[in-house]
Amino acid sequence: MPELELFAPSVNSDRPAHRDTHDTHDTEALRTEVVQLKRAMQTRPVIDMARGVLMASFGLRPDDAWSVLVDVSQHTNTKLRQVAAELVDTVGGEPLPEPLSTRLSTAVADVSRAADADVSRFPRSA
C-alpha cells in the first residue's frame, strides 16, 4: 500500500511556504482592474449624457464632444466624471462653475474651428 506521505506536501520542503510574488502581483493587478471597471460602469452613463448635451447644444460630433470633455477636465484639473456630472446638471438649470464654463467655451471653439478647417480642406462631394 502506498504511503500517504508521498502525496502530501512536505513540511520540511526547501521551498518557501508563502505564495509566489508573481501570483500576488497578478492578483493585485486584477483587483485594481476590477475596481477600475466597476467605476467605469458607474460613470459611463453620465459621461455619455454629457457628450449628448455637448452634441445637441453645439452641434458637435461624438468624437469632438469627447475631446471637449477631456480638454476641460485636463485644463481645469477636474476629474472627467465630475466635469460630465456638472455639465449634465446644467440641463436642470444648475449653473456651470466658472472655471469649467470658461474652459468649455474655449474647448468648443477650438474643436469647432478644427472641424471647419477639416471641412474646407476635404469638401464633401455632391
Protein backbone atom coordinates (compact mmCIF):
# COMPACT_ATOMS: atom_id res chain seq x y z
CA MET A 1 0.00 0.00 0.00
CA PRO A 2 1.49 3.41 -0.99
CA GLU A 3 2.32 5.77 1.80
CA LEU A 4 0.13 8.84 2.09
CA GLU A 5 3.16 11.00 2.80
CA LEU A 6 4.20 10.79 -0.83
CA PHE A 7 1.14 12.75 -1.89
CA ALA A 8 1.09 15.27 0.94
CA PRO A 9 3.17 18.45 0.80
CA SER A 10 6.43 18.11 2.64
CA VAL A 11 6.70 20.11 5.84
CA ASN A 12 10.49 20.16 5.54
CA SER A 13 10.49 21.36 1.94
CA ASP A 14 13.19 23.78 0.80
CA ARG A 15 10.52 25.87 -0.93
CA PRO A 16 9.10 28.84 0.99
CA ALA A 17 5.60 28.44 2.40
CA HIS A 18 4.39 31.84 1.02
CA ARG A 19 2.81 32.40 -2.37
CA ASP A 20 4.94 33.32 -5.31
CA THR A 21 5.34 37.13 -5.58
CA HIS A 22 4.36 36.94 -9.25
CA ASP A 23 0.99 35.43 -8.30
CA THR A 24 0.48 38.12 -5.66
CA HIS A 25 1.27 40.86 -8.19
CA ASP A 26 -1.15 39.34 -10.73
CA THR A 27 -3.88 39.13 -8.11
CA GLU A 28 -3.42 42.76 -7.09
CA ALA A 29 -3.38 43.85 -10.74
CA LEU A 30 -6.66 42.00 -11.34
CA ARG A 31 -8.25 43.55 -8.25
CA THR A 32 -7.21 47.00 -9.41
CA GLU A 33 -8.63 46.34 -12.86
CA VAL A 34 -11.95 45.15 -11.39
CA VAL A 35 -12.22 48.31 -9.28
CA GLN A 36 -11.49 50.48 -12.33
CA LEU A 37 -14.03 48.61 -14.47
CA LYS A 38 -16.71 48.95 -11.79
CA ARG A 39 -16.02 52.68 -11.56
CA ALA A 40 -16.17 53.00 -15.35
CA MET A 41 -19.52 51.19 -15.44
CA GLN A 42 -20.88 53.62 -12.86
CA THR A 43 -19.56 56.79 -14.51
CA ARG A 44 -20.08 55.87 -18.15
CA PRO A 45 -23.77 56.84 -18.29
CA VAL A 46 -23.18 60.40 -17.04
CA ILE A 47 -20.24 60.81 -19.41
CA ASP A 48 -22.39 59.65 -22.33
CA MET A 49 -25.15 62.06 -21.29
CA ALA A 50 -22.64 64.91 -21.14
CA ARG A 51 -21.44 64.05 -24.62
CA GLY A 52 -25.05 64.15 -25.76
CA VAL A 53 -25.55 67.56 -24.16
CA LEU A 54 -22.49 68.89 -25.99
CA MET A 55 -23.60 67.33 -29.29
CA ALA A 56 -27.09 68.80 -29.01
CA SER A 57 -26.00 72.18 -27.69
CA PHE A 58 -23.09 72.85 -30.02
CA GLY A 59 -23.68 70.51 -32.96
CA LEU A 60 -20.56 68.51 -32.19
CA ARG A 61 -19.74 65.04 -33.46
CA PRO A 62 -19.38 62.31 -30.80
CA ASP A 63 -15.56 62.31 -31.01
CA ASP A 64 -15.45 66.09 -30.76
CA ALA A 65 -17.74 66.07 -27.72
CA TRP A 66 -15.38 63.56 -26.08
CA SER A 67 -12.40 65.79 -26.93
CA VAL A 68 -14.12 68.76 -25.30
CA LEU A 69 -14.78 66.81 -22.10
CA VAL A 70 -11.17 65.63 -21.95
CA ASP A 71 -9.86 69.15 -22.66
CA VAL A 72 -12.00 70.72 -19.93
CA SER A 73 -11.00 68.01 -17.47
CA GLN A 74 -7.29 68.39 -18.16
CA HIS A 75 -7.19 72.18 -18.21
CA THR A 76 -9.24 72.64 -15.04
CA ASN A 77 -7.64 69.74 -13.16
CA THR A 78 -11.09 68.22 -12.63
CA LYS A 79 -11.96 64.54 -12.91
CA LEU A 80 -13.68 63.83 -16.21
CA ARG A 81 -16.65 62.23 -14.44
CA GLN A 82 -17.06 65.43 -12.37
CA VAL A 83 -16.96 67.62 -15.48
CA ALA A 84 -19.61 65.39 -17.05
CA ALA A 85 -21.83 65.48 -13.95
CA GLU A 86 -21.59 69.29 -13.75
CA LEU A 87 -22.47 69.60 -17.43
CA VAL A 88 -25.46 67.26 -17.15
CA ASP A 89 -26.69 69.26 -14.13
CA THR A 90 -26.90 72.36 -16.33
CA VAL A 91 -29.79 70.74 -18.19
CA GLY A 92 -31.79 71.02 -14.96
CA GLY A 93 -30.88 74.70 -14.58
CA GLU A 94 -27.74 74.46 -12.44
CA PRO A 95 -25.03 76.91 -13.47
CA LEU A 96 -21.74 75.50 -14.67
CA PRO A 97 -18.90 76.57 -12.34
CA GLU A 98 -16.92 79.47 -13.81
CA PRO A 99 -13.61 77.67 -14.46
CA LEU A 100 -15.44 74.87 -16.28
CA SER A 101 -17.63 77.31 -18.19
CA THR A 102 -14.66 79.37 -19.38
CA ARG A 103 -12.68 76.33 -20.49
CA LEU A 104 -15.75 74.75 -22.09
CA SER A 105 -16.20 77.81 -24.30
CA THR A 106 -12.57 77.68 -25.37
CA ALA A 107 -12.61 73.92 -25.99
CA VAL A 108 -15.80 74.07 -28.07
CA ALA A 109 -14.41 76.95 -30.13
CA ASP A 110 -11.15 75.04 -30.71
CA VAL A 111 -12.92 71.86 -31.76
CA SER A 112 -15.35 73.74 -33.99
CA ARG A 113 -12.51 75.65 -35.63
CA ALA A 114 -10.64 72.39 -36.30
CA ALA A 115 -13.79 70.77 -37.71
CA ASP A 116 -14.38 73.76 -40.00
CA ALA A 117 -10.79 73.55 -41.24
CA ASP A 118 -11.24 69.84 -41.99
CA VAL A 119 -14.45 70.51 -43.93
CA SER A 120 -12.84 73.25 -46.05
CA ARG A 121 -9.81 71.07 -46.72
CA PHE A 122 -11.89 68.00 -47.61
CA PRO A 123 -15.21 69.21 -49.06
CA ARG A 124 -17.92 66.64 -49.45
CA SER A 125 -18.67 65.59 -52.98
CA ALA A 126 -22.18 66.14 -54.26
